[in-house]
N, C-alpha and C. Protein backbone atom coordinates (compact mmCIF):
# COMPACT_ATOMS: atom_id res chain seq x y z
N MET A 1 0.94 -1.22 0.19
CA MET A 1 -0.12 0.14 -0.13
C MET A 1 0.44 1.22 0.09
N LYS A 2 1.71 1.29 0.64
CA LYS A 2 2.94 2.45 0.67
C LYS A 2 3.65 2.79 -0.53
N ARG A 3 3.83 1.76 -1.38
CA ARG A 3 4.40 1.64 -2.58
C ARG A 3 3.05 2.45 -3.51
N SER A 4 2.21 2.08 -3.46
CA SER A 4 1.21 3.03 -4.46
C SER A 4 1.08 4.46 -4.11
N LYS A 5 0.91 4.68 -3.06
CA LYS A 5 0.64 6.11 -2.73
C LYS A 5 2.36 6.62 -2.92
N LEU A 6 3.13 5.87 -2.79
CA LEU A 6 4.32 6.87 -3.26
C LEU A 6 4.67 7.22 -4.70
N ARG A 7 3.88 6.25 -5.29
CA ARG A 7 4.21 6.19 -7.08
C ARG A 7 3.16 7.21 -7.41
N LEU A 8 1.67 7.32 -6.84
CA LEU A 8 0.75 8.53 -7.25
C LEU A 8 1.41 9.98 -6.93
N LEU A 9 2.39 10.07 -5.68
CA LEU A 9 2.83 11.45 -5.00
C LEU A 9 3.92 11.60 -6.40
N SER A 10 4.81 10.71 -7.07
CA SER A 10 5.59 10.95 -7.61
C SER A 10 5.08 11.10 -9.22
N MET A 11 3.75 11.18 -9.53
CA MET A 11 3.32 11.44 -10.91
C MET A 11 3.42 12.81 -11.35
N PRO A 12 3.48 12.83 -12.65
CA PRO A 12 3.32 14.37 -12.95
C PRO A 12 2.12 15.15 -12.65
N ALA A 13 1.84 16.35 -12.22
CA ALA A 13 0.45 16.94 -11.76
C ALA A 13 -0.56 16.83 -12.64
N ALA A 14 -0.38 16.61 -14.11
CA ALA A 14 -1.30 16.45 -14.86
C ALA A 14 -2.03 14.98 -14.81
N ARG A 15 -1.01 13.75 -14.61
CA ARG A 15 -1.63 12.68 -14.88
C ARG A 15 -2.19 12.47 -13.44
N ARG A 16 -1.95 13.03 -12.17
CA ARG A 16 -2.51 13.05 -10.69
C ARG A 16 -3.81 13.45 -11.27
N LEU A 17 -4.03 14.84 -11.86
CA LEU A 17 -5.32 15.10 -12.13
C LEU A 17 -6.38 14.42 -12.67
N LEU A 18 -6.06 13.66 -13.99
CA LEU A 18 -6.48 12.86 -14.99
C LEU A 18 -6.97 11.26 -14.09
N SER A 19 -6.06 11.26 -13.18
CA SER A 19 -6.75 9.89 -12.19
C SER A 19 -7.60 9.88 -11.05
N MET A 20 -7.83 11.08 -10.80
CA MET A 20 -8.94 11.44 -9.97
C MET A 20 -10.40 11.07 -10.77
N PRO A 21 -10.87 10.09 -10.13
CA PRO A 21 -12.07 9.86 -10.58
C PRO A 21 -13.19 10.77 -10.82
N ALA A 22 -13.18 11.82 -10.25
CA ALA A 22 -14.11 13.27 -10.54
C ALA A 22 -13.52 13.67 -11.55
N ALA A 23 -12.36 14.05 -12.03
CA ALA A 23 -11.90 14.15 -13.21
C ALA A 23 -12.60 13.16 -14.35
N ARG A 24 -12.62 12.28 -14.16
CA ARG A 24 -12.23 11.36 -15.29
C ARG A 24 -13.78 11.38 -15.62
N ARG A 25 -15.06 11.49 -14.59
CA ARG A 25 -16.30 11.48 -14.70
C ARG A 25 -16.67 12.96 -15.72
N LEU A 26 -15.89 13.65 -15.14
CA LEU A 26 -16.40 15.42 -15.69
C LEU A 26 -16.03 15.38 -17.17
N LEU A 27 -14.83 14.75 -17.25
CA LEU A 27 -14.39 14.84 -18.82
C LEU A 27 -15.18 14.26 -19.77
N SER A 28 -15.38 12.51 -19.19
CA SER A 28 -16.35 12.03 -19.75
C SER A 28 -17.74 12.26 -20.28
N LEU A 29 -18.23 13.29 -19.17
CA LEU A 29 -19.82 13.70 -19.47
C LEU A 29 -19.62 14.93 -20.60
N LEU A 30 -18.25 15.67 -20.28
CA LEU A 30 -18.35 17.03 -21.36
C LEU A 30 -18.10 16.02 -22.91
N VAL A 31 -17.17 15.23 -23.16
CA VAL A 31 -17.20 14.34 -24.30
C VAL A 31 -18.39 14.05 -24.78
N GLY A 32 -19.06 13.32 -23.63
CA GLY A 32 -20.24 12.56 -24.28
C GLY A 32 -21.65 13.90 -24.49
N CYS A 33 -21.61 14.51 -23.67
CA CYS A 33 -22.53 15.85 -24.28
C CYS A 33 -22.39 16.24 -25.44
N ALA A 34 -21.11 16.85 -26.27
CA ALA A 34 -20.63 17.21 -27.06
C ALA A 34 -20.96 16.69 -28.30
N ALA A 35 -20.18 15.15 -28.38
CA ALA A 35 -20.81 14.05 -29.03
C ALA A 35 -22.09 13.81 -29.48
N ALA A 36 -23.27 13.97 -28.24
CA ALA A 36 -24.92 13.54 -28.69
C ALA A 36 -25.46 14.90 -29.23
N LEU A 37 -24.88 15.91 -29.12
CA LEU A 37 -25.76 17.11 -29.55
C LEU A 37 -25.57 17.40 -30.73
N PRO A 38 -26.72 17.90 -31.61
CA PRO A 38 -26.29 17.94 -32.91
C PRO A 38 -25.81 19.41 -33.21
N LEU A 39 -24.84 19.59 -34.18
CA LEU A 39 -24.31 20.69 -34.21
C LEU A 39 -23.79 21.19 -35.25
N PRO A 40 -25.03 21.74 -36.06
CA PRO A 40 -25.27 22.44 -37.23
C PRO A 40 -24.16 23.37 -37.82
N ALA A 41 -24.06 24.59 -37.26
CA ALA A 41 -23.25 25.54 -37.76
C ALA A 41 -22.16 26.09 -36.40
N GLN A 42 -21.16 25.15 -36.66
CA GLN A 42 -20.32 25.02 -35.19
C GLN A 42 -19.21 26.49 -35.31
N LYS A 43 -19.04 26.69 -34.29
CA LYS A 43 -17.97 28.06 -34.32
C LYS A 43 -17.03 27.43 -33.35
N LEU A 44 -15.79 27.71 -33.33
CA LEU A 44 -14.96 26.76 -32.37
C LEU A 44 -13.91 28.44 -32.09
N ALA A 45 -13.55 28.61 -30.63
CA ALA A 45 -12.53 29.47 -30.57
C ALA A 45 -11.67 28.80 -29.51
N ALA A 46 -10.60 29.34 -29.25
CA ALA A 46 -9.46 29.36 -28.39
C ALA A 46 -9.16 30.63 -27.74
N GLY A 47 -8.95 30.37 -26.52
CA GLY A 47 -7.96 31.40 -25.73
C GLY A 47 -7.16 31.43 -24.56
N VAL A 48 -7.19 32.56 -24.24
CA VAL A 48 -5.92 32.42 -22.97
C VAL A 48 -6.75 33.69 -21.85
N ASP A 49 -6.51 33.51 -20.38
CA ASP A 49 -7.11 34.23 -19.83
C ASP A 49 -5.87 35.26 -19.43
N ALA A 50 -6.00 36.59 -19.75
CA ALA A 50 -5.16 37.70 -19.48
C ALA A 50 -4.66 38.20 -17.96
N LEU A 51 -6.08 37.55 -17.08
CA LEU A 51 -5.94 38.14 -15.63
C LEU A 51 -4.92 37.19 -15.13
N TRP A 52 -5.34 35.64 -15.50
CA TRP A 52 -4.56 34.60 -14.85
C TRP A 52 -3.08 34.48 -15.33
N LEU A 53 -3.04 35.18 -16.88
CA LEU A 53 -1.59 35.16 -16.87
C LEU A 53 -0.72 36.24 -16.10
N ALA A 54 -1.24 37.29 -15.77
CA ALA A 54 -0.73 38.49 -15.15
C ALA A 54 -0.27 37.85 -13.29
N THR A 55 -1.16 36.70 -13.32
CA THR A 55 -0.84 36.06 -11.79
C THR A 55 0.72 35.31 -12.07
N GLY A 56 0.78 34.89 -13.25
CA GLY A 56 1.94 33.94 -13.25
C GLY A 56 1.15 32.06 -13.72
N MET A 57 -0.15 32.23 -14.02
CA MET A 57 -0.74 30.88 -14.15
C MET A 57 -1.12 30.94 -16.02
N ALA A 58 -0.49 29.89 -16.02
CA ALA A 58 -0.42 29.18 -17.58
C ALA A 58 -2.00 28.82 -17.91
N ASN A 59 -2.41 29.21 -18.89
CA ASN A 59 -3.98 28.76 -19.28
C ASN A 59 -4.07 28.77 -20.55
N ILE A 60 -4.72 27.91 -21.20
CA ILE A 60 -5.12 27.81 -22.34
C ILE A 60 -7.08 27.10 -22.48
N GLY A 61 -7.82 27.64 -23.19
CA GLY A 61 -9.08 27.28 -23.20
C GLY A 61 -9.59 26.95 -24.75
N ALA A 62 -10.92 26.19 -24.79
CA ALA A 62 -11.42 26.21 -26.23
C ALA A 62 -13.18 26.38 -25.81
N GLU A 63 -13.53 26.94 -26.72
CA GLU A 63 -14.82 27.30 -26.65
C GLU A 63 -15.84 26.83 -28.20
N MET A 64 -16.83 25.79 -27.98
CA MET A 64 -17.56 25.52 -29.27
C MET A 64 -19.03 25.68 -28.89
N THR A 65 -19.63 25.94 -30.15
CA THR A 65 -21.15 25.93 -29.90
C THR A 65 -21.99 24.77 -30.19
N VAL A 66 -22.91 24.80 -29.02
CA VAL A 66 -23.32 23.42 -28.88
C VAL A 66 -24.84 23.57 -29.42
N GLY A 67 -25.50 24.72 -29.58
CA GLY A 67 -26.61 24.91 -29.99
C GLY A 67 -26.83 26.53 -30.35
N ARG A 68 -28.14 26.83 -30.35
CA ARG A 68 -28.14 28.17 -31.39
C ARG A 68 -27.87 29.43 -30.39
N ALA A 69 -27.82 28.91 -28.97
CA ALA A 69 -27.59 30.13 -27.98
C ALA A 69 -26.88 29.78 -26.92
N SER A 70 -26.03 28.48 -27.19
CA SER A 70 -25.37 28.17 -26.02
C SER A 70 -23.87 27.44 -26.65
N THR A 71 -22.87 27.27 -25.59
CA THR A 71 -21.46 27.22 -25.81
C THR A 71 -21.10 25.88 -24.83
N LEU A 72 -19.71 25.64 -25.18
CA LEU A 72 -19.38 24.21 -24.19
C LEU A 72 -18.00 24.59 -24.17
N SER A 73 -17.24 25.04 -22.82
CA SER A 73 -15.77 25.49 -23.05
C SER A 73 -15.08 24.52 -22.02
N LEU A 74 -14.14 24.48 -22.34
CA LEU A 74 -12.97 23.62 -21.44
C LEU A 74 -11.71 24.12 -21.32
N TYR A 75 -11.45 24.72 -19.88
CA TYR A 75 -9.85 25.60 -19.79
C TYR A 75 -8.90 24.64 -19.05
N PHE A 76 -7.82 24.76 -19.03
CA PHE A 76 -6.92 24.07 -18.52
C PHE A 76 -5.80 25.03 -18.10
N MET A 77 -5.77 24.88 -16.46
CA MET A 77 -4.76 25.75 -16.00
C MET A 77 -3.68 25.23 -15.25
N GLY A 78 -2.51 25.86 -15.23
CA GLY A 78 -1.71 25.15 -14.71
C GLY A 78 -0.62 26.59 -13.83
N ILE A 79 0.20 26.46 -12.72
CA ILE A 79 0.96 27.30 -12.03
C ILE A 79 1.86 26.42 -11.29
N SER A 80 3.04 27.05 -11.41
CA SER A 80 4.45 26.62 -10.62
C SER A 80 5.08 27.77 -10.53
N HIS A 81 5.19 28.10 -8.94
CA HIS A 81 6.54 29.28 -8.78
C HIS A 81 5.83 30.54 -9.12
N PRO A 82 4.74 31.07 -9.09
CA PRO A 82 4.38 32.36 -9.78
C PRO A 82 5.14 33.33 -9.01
N TRP A 83 5.09 34.30 -9.58
CA TRP A 83 5.84 35.46 -9.16
C TRP A 83 5.11 36.34 -7.72
N VAL A 84 3.74 35.74 -7.50
CA VAL A 84 2.93 36.36 -6.52
C VAL A 84 3.50 35.45 -5.39
N ASN A 85 3.57 33.88 -5.39
CA ASN A 85 3.86 33.10 -3.89
C ASN A 85 4.98 31.87 -4.70
N THR A 86 6.06 32.04 -4.26
CA THR A 86 6.97 31.39 -4.88
C THR A 86 7.24 29.70 -4.51
N ASP A 87 6.22 29.51 -3.53
CA ASP A 87 6.01 27.95 -2.97
C ASP A 87 4.60 27.69 -3.25
N MET A 88 4.22 28.21 -4.35
CA MET A 88 3.07 27.45 -5.09
C MET A 88 2.98 26.44 -6.53
N LYS A 89 2.30 25.67 -6.46
CA LYS A 89 2.09 24.70 -7.62
C LYS A 89 0.68 24.27 -7.66
N GLY A 90 0.17 24.07 -9.04
CA GLY A 90 -1.20 23.65 -8.81
C GLY A 90 -1.44 23.69 -10.50
N ILE A 91 -2.57 22.64 -10.77
CA ILE A 91 -3.08 22.37 -11.74
C ILE A 91 -4.45 21.86 -11.87
N ALA A 92 -5.07 22.68 -12.66
CA ALA A 92 -7.07 22.70 -12.65
C ALA A 92 -7.45 22.40 -14.35
N LEU A 93 -8.77 21.78 -14.22
CA LEU A 93 -9.60 21.96 -15.36
C LEU A 93 -11.02 22.01 -15.06
N GLN A 94 -11.50 23.42 -16.05
CA GLN A 94 -12.49 23.69 -16.00
C GLN A 94 -13.31 23.72 -17.03
N PRO A 95 -14.38 22.96 -17.12
CA PRO A 95 -15.62 22.84 -18.01
C PRO A 95 -16.72 23.74 -17.67
N GLU A 96 -17.06 24.09 -18.65
CA GLU A 96 -18.54 25.48 -18.79
C GLU A 96 -19.54 25.39 -19.81
N TRP A 97 -20.82 25.38 -19.68
CA TRP A 97 -21.93 25.36 -20.46
C TRP A 97 -22.38 26.88 -20.42
N ARG A 98 -22.47 27.58 -21.31
CA ARG A 98 -22.67 28.81 -21.38
C ARG A 98 -24.04 29.26 -22.45
N TYR A 99 -25.24 30.10 -21.79
CA TYR A 99 -26.24 30.40 -22.42
C TYR A 99 -26.54 31.76 -22.80
N TYR A 100 -26.06 32.14 -23.75
CA TYR A 100 -26.04 33.45 -24.38
C TYR A 100 -27.53 34.43 -24.20
N LEU A 101 -27.80 35.47 -23.60
CA LEU A 101 -28.93 36.01 -23.64
C LEU A 101 -29.50 36.97 -25.05
N SER A 102 -28.43 36.95 -25.69
CA SER A 102 -28.47 37.51 -27.04
C SER A 102 -29.10 36.48 -28.16
N GLY A 103 -28.96 35.41 -27.55
CA GLY A 103 -29.60 34.55 -28.56
C GLY A 103 -28.33 33.94 -29.57
N ARG A 104 -27.48 34.36 -29.63
CA ARG A 104 -26.42 34.32 -30.20
C ARG A 104 -24.90 33.84 -29.50
N PRO A 105 -24.46 32.71 -30.07
CA PRO A 105 -23.19 32.09 -29.31
C PRO A 105 -22.02 33.14 -29.02
N MET A 106 -21.22 33.34 -28.20
CA MET A 106 -20.47 33.96 -28.21
C MET A 106 -20.16 35.70 -28.59
N TYR A 107 -21.53 36.42 -27.90
CA TYR A 107 -22.01 37.52 -28.03
C TYR A 107 -22.69 38.11 -26.63
N HIS A 108 -22.13 39.00 -26.54
CA HIS A 108 -22.84 39.69 -25.53
C HIS A 108 -22.52 39.13 -24.16
N HIS A 109 -23.89 39.33 -23.26
CA HIS A 109 -24.34 38.40 -21.98
C HIS A 109 -24.37 37.25 -21.99
N PHE A 110 -24.19 36.55 -20.80
CA PHE A 110 -24.30 35.26 -20.71
C PHE A 110 -24.36 34.63 -19.09
N ILE A 111 -24.99 33.61 -19.24
CA ILE A 111 -24.71 32.86 -17.77
C ILE A 111 -24.31 31.46 -18.11
N GLY A 112 -23.67 30.85 -17.06
CA GLY A 112 -22.94 29.64 -17.32
C GLY A 112 -23.10 28.48 -16.21
N ILE A 113 -22.95 27.46 -16.24
CA ILE A 113 -22.88 26.68 -15.27
C ILE A 113 -21.67 25.81 -15.58
N GLY A 114 -20.48 26.05 -14.31
CA GLY A 114 -19.15 25.31 -14.69
C GLY A 114 -18.95 24.39 -13.36
N ALA A 115 -17.81 23.78 -13.63
CA ALA A 115 -17.49 22.82 -12.70
C ALA A 115 -15.88 23.13 -12.71
N ILE A 116 -15.06 22.58 -11.70
CA ILE A 116 -13.72 22.74 -11.31
C ILE A 116 -13.19 21.49 -10.57
N THR A 117 -11.81 21.04 -11.14
CA THR A 117 -11.34 19.97 -10.34
C THR A 117 -9.84 20.33 -10.38
N GLY A 118 -8.87 20.19 -9.48
CA GLY A 118 -7.77 20.23 -9.57
C GLY A 118 -6.97 19.94 -8.33
N THR A 119 -5.52 19.79 -8.33
CA THR A 119 -4.53 19.49 -7.37
C THR A 119 -3.85 20.93 -6.81
N TYR A 120 -3.20 21.08 -5.89
CA TYR A 120 -2.70 21.81 -5.34
C TYR A 120 -1.83 21.55 -4.08
N ASN A 121 -0.71 22.76 -4.18
CA ASN A 121 0.43 22.42 -3.19
C ASN A 121 1.26 24.04 -2.78
N PHE A 122 0.99 24.42 -1.98
CA PHE A 122 1.46 25.73 -1.79
C PHE A 122 1.66 25.76 -0.01
N LYS A 123 2.39 27.17 0.26
CA LYS A 123 2.67 27.36 1.15
C LYS A 123 1.95 28.76 1.94
N PHE A 124 1.56 29.11 2.72
CA PHE A 124 0.76 30.21 3.21
C PHE A 124 0.85 30.41 4.93
N ASN A 125 1.52 31.62 5.42
CA ASN A 125 1.73 31.60 6.89
C ASN A 125 2.46 30.69 7.48
N ASN A 126 3.64 30.03 6.91
CA ASN A 126 4.20 28.55 7.23
C ASN A 126 3.71 27.48 7.55
N LYS A 127 2.57 27.16 6.83
CA LYS A 127 1.44 25.98 6.90
C LYS A 127 1.56 25.28 5.25
N LEU A 128 1.53 24.32 5.33
CA LEU A 128 1.62 23.66 3.83
C LEU A 128 0.29 23.09 3.63
N TYR A 129 0.11 23.37 2.46
CA TYR A 129 -1.64 23.19 1.97
C TYR A 129 -1.13 21.92 0.56
N ASN A 130 -1.57 20.75 1.06
CA ASN A 130 -1.37 19.65 -0.54
C ASN A 130 -2.56 19.11 -0.57
N GLY A 131 -3.49 19.08 -1.74
CA GLY A 131 -4.40 18.23 -2.02
C GLY A 131 -4.97 18.66 -3.09
N SER A 132 -6.53 18.06 -2.94
CA SER A 132 -7.13 18.48 -4.18
C SER A 132 -8.60 18.92 -3.75
N ALA A 133 -9.15 19.66 -5.04
CA ALA A 133 -10.24 20.33 -4.74
C ALA A 133 -11.03 19.77 -5.95
N ALA A 134 -12.70 19.98 -5.73
CA ALA A 134 -13.46 19.75 -7.05
C ALA A 134 -14.79 20.66 -6.76
N GLY A 135 -15.70 21.58 -7.45
CA GLY A 135 -16.69 22.04 -7.15
C GLY A 135 -17.60 22.59 -8.27
N VAL A 136 -18.38 23.04 -8.09
CA VAL A 136 -19.62 23.39 -8.92
C VAL A 136 -19.87 25.21 -9.12
N GLY A 137 -20.44 25.84 -9.78
CA GLY A 137 -20.78 27.35 -9.73
C GLY A 137 -21.47 27.67 -10.81
N LEU A 138 -22.11 29.10 -10.73
CA LEU A 138 -22.54 29.86 -11.58
C LEU A 138 -21.68 30.86 -12.02
N THR A 139 -21.55 31.06 -13.32
CA THR A 139 -20.70 32.18 -13.82
C THR A 139 -21.81 33.24 -14.64
N PHE A 140 -21.24 34.38 -14.92
CA PHE A 140 -22.14 35.66 -15.47
C PHE A 140 -20.92 36.24 -15.90
N GLY A 141 -21.04 36.92 -17.17
CA GLY A 141 -20.26 37.56 -18.13
C GLY A 141 -20.62 38.26 -19.23
N TYR A 142 -19.88 39.02 -20.15
CA TYR A 142 -20.14 39.80 -20.83
C TYR A 142 -19.15 39.21 -22.29
N VAL A 143 -19.32 39.26 -23.67
CA VAL A 143 -18.25 39.19 -24.34
C VAL A 143 -18.31 40.70 -25.36
N LEU A 144 -17.50 40.92 -25.60
CA LEU A 144 -17.27 42.40 -26.19
C LEU A 144 -16.32 41.38 -27.42
N PRO A 145 -17.04 41.76 -28.76
CA PRO A 145 -16.46 41.40 -29.99
C PRO A 145 -15.51 42.75 -30.48
N LEU A 146 -14.14 42.32 -30.70
CA LEU A 146 -13.37 43.29 -31.28
C LEU A 146 -13.41 43.37 -32.71
N SER A 147 -13.70 42.25 -33.44
CA SER A 147 -13.72 42.18 -34.72
C SER A 147 -14.69 40.91 -34.78
N ALA A 148 -14.27 40.59 -36.63
CA ALA A 148 -15.28 39.11 -36.70
C ALA A 148 -14.48 38.01 -36.13
N ARG A 149 -13.56 37.79 -35.57
CA ARG A 149 -12.56 36.99 -35.33
C ARG A 149 -12.04 37.01 -33.53
N LEU A 150 -11.93 38.30 -33.16
CA LEU A 150 -11.64 38.82 -32.11
C LEU A 150 -12.22 39.07 -30.89
N ASN A 151 -12.45 38.14 -29.58
CA ASN A 151 -13.34 38.71 -28.71
C ASN A 151 -12.78 38.94 -27.21
N ILE A 152 -13.20 39.90 -26.60
CA ILE A 152 -12.79 39.88 -24.89
C ILE A 152 -14.07 39.25 -24.01
N ASP A 153 -13.75 38.64 -23.13
CA ASP A 153 -14.46 37.85 -22.24
C ASP A 153 -14.65 38.28 -20.86
N LEU A 154 -15.34 39.02 -20.42
CA LEU A 154 -15.11 39.61 -19.11
C LEU A 154 -16.15 38.79 -18.58
N HIS A 155 -15.76 37.70 -16.87
CA HIS A 155 -16.71 37.17 -16.24
C HIS A 155 -16.36 36.84 -15.09
N ALA A 156 -17.11 36.67 -14.36
CA ALA A 156 -17.10 36.19 -12.53
C ALA A 156 -17.80 34.88 -12.60
N GLY A 157 -17.64 34.09 -11.26
CA GLY A 157 -18.39 33.26 -10.96
C GLY A 157 -18.07 32.73 -9.60
N TYR A 158 -19.08 31.98 -8.83
CA TYR A 158 -18.82 31.87 -7.59
C TYR A 158 -19.84 30.60 -7.52
N GLY A 159 -19.11 29.72 -6.54
CA GLY A 159 -19.82 28.57 -6.26
C GLY A 159 -19.25 27.64 -4.67
N LEU A 160 -19.74 26.38 -5.05
CA LEU A 160 -19.17 25.44 -3.87
C LEU A 160 -18.32 24.38 -4.03
N ILE A 161 -17.09 24.77 -3.21
CA ILE A 161 -15.57 23.98 -3.64
C ILE A 161 -15.52 23.09 -2.51
N HIS A 162 -15.23 21.79 -2.70
CA HIS A 162 -15.26 20.82 -1.90
C HIS A 162 -13.47 20.40 -1.96
N ALA A 163 -12.64 20.91 -0.95
CA ALA A 163 -11.28 20.80 -0.85
C ALA A 163 -10.92 19.58 0.39
N GLN A 164 -9.64 18.61 -0.36
CA GLN A 164 -9.54 17.88 0.87
C GLN A 164 -7.80 17.92 0.79
N ASP A 165 -7.42 17.86 2.00
CA ASP A 165 -6.01 18.18 1.83
C ASP A 165 -5.59 16.87 3.17
N ARG A 166 -4.10 16.63 3.21
CA ARG A 166 -3.76 16.15 3.88
C ARG A 166 -3.97 16.57 5.80
N GLU A 167 -3.78 17.74 6.08
CA GLU A 167 -3.41 18.18 7.14
C GLU A 167 -5.02 18.86 7.67
N ARG A 168 -5.79 19.12 6.98
CA ARG A 168 -7.01 19.72 7.50
C ARG A 168 -7.96 18.66 7.26
N GLY A 169 -8.03 17.61 6.06
CA GLY A 169 -9.18 17.02 6.02
C GLY A 169 -9.77 17.41 5.02
N LYS A 170 -11.24 17.13 4.91
CA LYS A 170 -12.29 17.83 3.92
C LYS A 170 -13.07 19.08 4.24
N HIS A 171 -13.27 19.74 3.70
CA HIS A 171 -13.82 20.76 4.03
C HIS A 171 -14.46 21.53 2.37
N ASN A 172 -15.77 22.09 3.15
CA ASN A 172 -16.70 22.87 2.04
C ASN A 172 -16.30 24.09 2.17
N TYR A 173 -16.17 24.85 1.09
CA TYR A 173 -16.01 26.26 0.62
C TYR A 173 -17.14 27.21 -0.20
N MET A 174 -17.69 28.36 -0.15
CA MET A 174 -18.45 29.26 -0.94
C MET A 174 -17.00 29.85 -1.57
N LEU A 175 -16.99 29.98 -2.57
CA LEU A 175 -15.63 30.43 -2.97
C LEU A 175 -16.21 31.22 -4.52
N PRO A 176 -15.01 32.24 -4.79
CA PRO A 176 -15.33 32.49 -6.27
C PRO A 176 -14.43 31.29 -7.15
N THR A 177 -15.39 30.46 -8.07
CA THR A 177 -14.50 29.72 -8.89
C THR A 177 -14.13 30.14 -10.26
N ARG A 178 -14.42 31.62 -10.44
CA ARG A 178 -13.94 32.10 -11.97
C ARG A 178 -13.85 33.76 -11.61
N ALA A 179 -12.59 34.28 -12.24
CA ALA A 179 -12.95 35.64 -12.50
C ALA A 179 -11.67 35.70 -13.51
N GLY A 180 -12.01 36.29 -14.60
CA GLY A 180 -11.25 36.99 -15.46
C GLY A 180 -11.43 37.54 -16.77
N VAL A 181 -10.40 38.15 -17.54
CA VAL A 181 -10.72 38.37 -18.77
C VAL A 181 -10.04 37.60 -20.08
N THR A 182 -10.92 37.09 -20.61
CA THR A 182 -10.04 36.26 -21.75
C THR A 182 -10.16 36.91 -22.70
N VAL A 183 -9.19 36.67 -23.79
CA VAL A 183 -9.00 37.31 -24.99
C VAL A 183 -8.98 35.99 -26.02
N SER A 184 -10.12 35.99 -26.86
CA SER A 184 -10.48 34.60 -27.66
C SER A 184 -10.16 34.73 -28.87
N TYR A 185 -9.95 33.92 -29.77
CA TYR A 185 -10.31 33.82 -31.07
C TYR A 185 -10.98 32.65 -31.78
N ILE A 186 -11.82 33.46 -32.74
CA ILE A 186 -12.85 32.34 -33.39
C ILE A 186 -12.27 32.02 -34.66
N PHE A 187 -12.18 30.61 -34.95
CA PHE A 187 -11.62 29.87 -36.21
C PHE A 187 -12.36 29.91 -37.20
N ARG A 188 -13.77 29.64 -36.58
CA ARG A 188 -14.96 29.41 -37.67
C ARG A 188 -16.18 29.95 -37.14
């Protein structure tokens, strides 16, 4: 038993994230929903969140239309020794479904339902926090089109996060699940 725990801890963070049962179920659900829905005139966009980049968090995401006024997105974030806190590492996956109130995807006001799952390892006030978290939340935002292919997406979300670490055990929190300014490029 000690050997398997040691092996899990020595895996890269991405493999640890995808080995979590909740992450696998979430990714399977996302892929299954995308495959089952009729997608007549698809739009596909890729983007990065400038607010996250400013804090040292690398990120990339994709969003595609799945209905006349809705989209499905998936963002991947990773952080290792940012300039804000040098004793911080983490990786997260964040899928989200959005409904655009204008009736047109990737345009103006939207509300969204999202999830997040990830692992973290950081030091704060001489305490080590090392564990995993998963949660769900609501997102509200506005997409400002700059051109036919370039958008700026302003968004914020709030929800329930379940965290589990070695030192403190399991805890539930009501926290911001999302906040950002995403610059995205629409491919078609």
